[in-house]
Every structure is written in structure tokens, then in C-alpha cells.
């Protein structure tokens, strides 16, 4: 008969996936590259505009000269999907941190038994935080081509948006794994 693990597998999975999701979501939130605008009329062919939820950067790819803090002449930051992302992405990061603190209190590997209910609640909090960052990422992607851009330019998804998606998914999966802790407390009763 093998000895049982002190920390259940679902808790370990949740505690690995959620911090990874937090890092990806944090990078996606702060980096100014949710969308790339290239082949802008009246600009050199190698100029790319990178638009995030906080900043717009102009980069000349041949020389790698990058200048952020560009003026928002087209009203990009006034668009609803961008405003929603500005509110929900940082809120999601805060909720994720709260969820990780609660998870640490529930899992506590140095105790003889983990607190399954606390870990399950942490899973629900982390699941909500993942959804909070998935909503603006999805909405922005849906509206990517409708957001203002110079006529005739080419629009593409950029890395910050992809990182936000991946981070959201990892938080959701980690949260779901931690919510499986409720199964243990139901099984004990």
C-alpha cells in the first residue's frame, strides 16, 4: 500500500498553472502590442504601429527605432473594447493575486492535511479572474478590424493579445483544477 500524497494532484496543478497564467496576463496587460498596424499610407513601408490598451508605439523595423507615447489621433483609446480591457485586465490581475493567496492558505503543504474547502474557494476565485481577462481579450479580438485605423493599412493580432488569451486559459484551467478540491470535502462527509 503506497502512502498518500500530502498535497493532492489537482492542487499542485492549480498552483502551477495559475501563477503562469498570472505572468502571461501581466505581460499581456502591460506590453503595448495588442494589435499591429502596418503598411500605413504616407509612411515608410517598414513602419509598424503597435497598439496596446495603454500605449501606442511606432517602430521602424529596418532600424529597430521604437518610439512610444504616440498621439491617439483616431480615437483608439475611446473605443469601448479598449476601455473595457483597461478596466478588466488590471482587475483580473488583482483578483488572481487574491486567489493565489487564498490557494496558498488552503493548500499549505506544511500541514498534515490541506484545507479542501479553502482551496476550492480559491479555485472559484481564480476561475473568475481568468474569465475577467478572457472577456476583454475575446471582445478586442472580435472588434480588432472595427477599431479605428488609417484607411488602407494592414491589421494583425500581436503578441500581447495572444499572451492575454493564454494567461486567461491557464488561470481558468488552474482554477478548475483547484475547484476539484471540493470533491474531497464532499467525499469525507
Protein backbone atom coordinates (compact mmCIF):
# COMPACT_ATOMS: atom_id res chain seq x y z
CA UNK A 1 0.00 0.00 0.00
CA UNK A 2 1.54 3.29 -1.14
CA UNK A 3 1.43 6.30 1.18
CA UNK A 4 -0.95 9.04 0.01
CA UNK A 5 0.41 12.35 -1.19
CA UNK A 6 0.07 15.18 1.29
CA UNK A 7 -0.89 17.61 -1.47
CA UNK A 8 -3.49 16.34 -3.93
CA UNK A 9 -2.63 16.47 -7.63
CA UNK A 10 -5.37 18.96 -8.51
CA UNK A 11 -3.94 21.44 -6.00
CA UNK A 12 -0.46 21.10 -7.45
CA UNK A 13 -1.81 21.56 -10.99
CA UNK A 14 -3.75 24.65 -9.90
CA UNK A 15 -0.73 26.13 -8.11
CA UNK A 16 1.45 25.63 -11.19
CA UNK A 17 -0.97 26.84 -13.88
CA UNK A 18 -2.35 29.93 -12.11
CA UNK A 19 0.97 31.74 -11.44
CA UNK A 20 2.00 31.00 -15.06
CA UNK A 21 -1.32 32.48 -16.18
CA UNK A 22 -0.74 35.50 -13.95
CA UNK A 23 2.66 36.18 -15.55
CA UNK A 24 1.28 35.86 -19.08
CA UNK A 25 -1.72 38.06 -18.30
CA UNK A 26 0.51 40.65 -16.62
CA UNK A 27 2.77 40.77 -19.68
CA UNK A 28 -0.22 40.97 -21.98
CA UNK A 29 -1.72 43.79 -19.93
CA UNK A 30 1.41 45.94 -19.75
CA UNK A 31 3.03 45.38 -23.15
CA UNK A 32 1.81 47.81 -25.85
CA UNK A 33 1.15 45.33 -28.60
CA UNK A 34 -2.40 44.00 -28.81
CA UNK A 35 -2.65 44.96 -32.47
CA UNK A 36 -0.12 45.80 -35.20
CA UNK A 37 -0.92 48.33 -37.89
CA UNK A 38 1.40 48.08 -40.90
CA UNK A 39 1.57 49.40 -44.46
CA UNK A 40 0.22 52.74 -43.24
CA UNK A 41 -0.36 55.17 -46.14
CA UNK A 42 2.02 58.16 -46.26
CA UNK A 43 4.51 56.29 -44.02
CA UNK A 44 7.65 54.32 -44.93
CA UNK A 45 6.89 50.70 -45.77
CA UNK A 46 8.85 49.39 -42.74
CA UNK A 47 6.92 51.45 -40.15
CA UNK A 48 4.68 49.46 -37.81
CA UNK A 49 2.31 50.92 -35.23
CA UNK A 50 1.79 48.74 -32.15
CA UNK A 51 -1.38 49.47 -30.23
CA UNK A 52 -1.97 48.18 -26.72
CA UNK A 53 -4.54 49.06 -24.11
CA UNK A 54 -2.33 51.77 -22.56
CA UNK A 55 0.07 52.98 -25.25
CA UNK A 56 0.73 53.29 -28.96
CA UNK A 57 4.27 52.73 -30.23
CA UNK A 58 5.77 53.43 -33.65
CA UNK A 59 8.63 51.19 -34.76
CA UNK A 60 10.77 51.39 -37.85
CA UNK A 61 11.64 47.75 -38.46
CA UNK A 62 14.74 48.32 -40.60
CA UNK A 63 16.49 50.28 -37.83
CA UNK A 64 14.52 48.99 -34.81
CA UNK A 65 13.91 52.60 -33.74
CA UNK A 66 10.92 52.49 -31.42
CA UNK A 67 9.04 55.48 -30.05
CA UNK A 68 6.15 55.00 -27.64
CA UNK A 69 3.65 57.53 -26.34
CA UNK A 70 2.33 58.33 -29.81
CA UNK A 71 -0.71 60.61 -30.10
CA UNK A 72 -4.07 58.89 -30.46
CA UNK A 73 -5.34 60.81 -33.47
CA UNK A 74 -8.06 58.33 -34.44
CA UNK A 75 -9.76 57.91 -31.04
CA UNK A 76 -8.47 54.37 -30.48
CA UNK A 77 -8.42 54.69 -26.67
CA UNK A 78 -12.04 55.94 -26.60
CA UNK A 79 -13.33 52.68 -28.12
CA UNK A 80 -15.44 50.52 -25.79
CA UNK A 81 -13.41 47.27 -26.16
CA UNK A 82 -10.21 49.16 -25.27
CA UNK A 83 -11.88 50.88 -22.28
CA UNK A 84 -13.28 47.55 -21.04
CA UNK A 85 -9.82 45.97 -21.34
CA UNK A 86 -8.32 48.89 -19.39
CA UNK A 87 -10.73 48.14 -16.56
CA UNK A 88 -10.95 44.35 -16.55
CA UNK A 89 -7.32 43.36 -17.20
CA UNK A 90 -5.86 45.09 -14.08
CA UNK A 91 -8.90 43.95 -12.05
CA UNK A 92 -8.24 40.39 -13.18
CA UNK A 93 -4.62 40.65 -12.02
CA UNK A 94 -5.73 41.78 -8.54
CA UNK A 95 -8.34 39.02 -8.29
CA UNK A 96 -5.72 36.47 -9.39
CA UNK A 97 -3.35 37.62 -6.63
CA UNK A 98 -6.16 37.31 -4.07
CA UNK A 99 -6.99 33.84 -5.39
CA UNK A 100 -3.35 32.74 -5.14
CA UNK A 101 -3.13 33.95 -1.53
CA UNK A 102 -6.32 32.04 -0.65
CA UNK A 103 -4.97 28.97 -2.50
CA UNK A 104 -1.73 29.13 -0.53
CA UNK A 105 -3.77 29.20 2.70
CA UNK A 106 -5.81 26.20 1.54
CA UNK A 107 -3.03 24.02 0.20
CA UNK A 108 -0.37 24.66 2.89
CA UNK A 109 1.89 21.72 2.30
CA UNK A 110 3.41 22.04 5.80
CA UNK A 111 0.15 20.98 7.47
CA UNK A 112 -0.80 17.34 7.80
CA UNK A 113 -3.95 17.88 5.72
CA UNK A 114 -4.79 20.62 3.19
CA UNK A 115 -7.94 22.68 3.67
CA UNK A 116 -10.06 21.44 0.80
CA UNK A 117 -12.87 23.98 1.12
CA UNK A 118 -10.43 26.92 1.16
CA UNK A 119 -8.58 25.52 -1.86
CA UNK A 120 -11.91 25.04 -3.66
CA UNK A 121 -12.93 28.64 -2.95
CA UNK A 122 -9.55 29.78 -4.26
CA UNK A 123 -10.25 27.78 -7.41
CA UNK A 124 -13.53 29.64 -7.90
CA UNK A 125 -11.80 33.00 -7.40
CA UNK A 126 -9.08 32.06 -9.90
CA UNK A 127 -11.68 30.80 -12.37
CA UNK A 128 -13.44 34.19 -12.16
CA UNK A 129 -10.14 36.04 -12.62
CA UNK A 130 -9.42 34.01 -15.76
CA UNK A 131 -12.85 34.85 -17.14
CA UNK A 132 -12.29 38.53 -16.28
CA UNK A 133 -9.24 38.61 -18.56
CA UNK A 134 -10.71 36.32 -21.22
CA UNK A 135 -13.72 38.61 -21.82
CA UNK A 136 -11.74 41.73 -22.89
CA UNK A 137 -9.25 39.64 -24.89
CA UNK A 138 -12.08 37.97 -26.80
CA UNK A 139 -14.02 41.18 -27.31
CA UNK A 140 -10.93 43.02 -28.54
CA UNK A 141 -10.20 40.20 -30.98
CA UNK A 142 -13.80 40.29 -32.22
CA UNK A 143 -13.57 44.08 -32.78
CA UNK A 144 -9.93 44.14 -33.98
CA UNK A 145 -10.77 45.19 -37.52
CA UNK A 146 -13.55 47.58 -36.44
CA UNK A 147 -11.28 49.66 -34.18
CA UNK A 148 -10.06 52.88 -35.84
CA UNK A 149 -7.01 52.58 -38.10
CA UNK A 150 -5.66 54.59 -41.04
CA UNK A 151 -7.57 53.63 -44.22
CA UNK A 152 -5.70 51.15 -46.38
CA UNK A 153 -3.42 49.87 -43.59
CA UNK A 154 -2.99 46.20 -42.66
CA UNK A 155 -4.13 45.00 -39.21
CA UNK A 156 -2.86 41.91 -37.38
CA UNK A 157 -3.15 40.40 -33.92
CA UNK A 158 0.00 40.95 -31.89
CA UNK A 159 1.76 39.07 -29.09
CA UNK A 160 0.22 40.86 -26.07
CA UNK A 161 -3.25 39.77 -27.07
CA UNK A 162 -2.07 36.17 -27.55
CA UNK A 163 -0.34 36.21 -24.14
CA UNK A 164 -3.52 37.57 -22.54
CA UNK A 165 -5.51 34.71 -24.08
CA UNK A 166 -3.03 32.07 -22.95
CA UNK A 167 -2.81 33.54 -19.45
CA UNK A 168 -6.61 33.60 -19.17
CA UNK A 169 -6.85 29.97 -20.26
CA UNK A 170 -4.17 28.85 -17.80
CA UNK A 171 -5.93 30.68 -14.96
CA UNK A 172 -9.26 29.09 -15.90
CA UNK A 173 -7.71 25.60 -16.07
CA UNK A 174 -5.83 26.13 -12.79
CA UNK A 175 -8.97 27.45 -11.13
CA UNK A 176 -10.96 24.45 -12.36
CA UNK A 177 -8.27 22.12 -11.01
CA UNK A 178 -8.42 23.78 -7.59
CA UNK A 179 -12.24 23.63 -7.53
CA UNK A 180 -11.88 19.84 -7.69
CA UNK A 181 -10.80 20.17 -4.05
CA UNK A 182 -14.50 20.44 -3.17
CA UNK A 183 -14.76 16.78 -4.17
CA UNK A 184 -12.55 15.78 -1.21
CA UNK A 185 -14.68 17.55 1.38
CA UNK A 186 -17.87 16.05 -0.10
CA UNK A 187 -16.26 12.58 -0.11
CA UNK A 188 -15.31 12.93 3.57
CA UNK A 189 -18.91 13.65 4.54
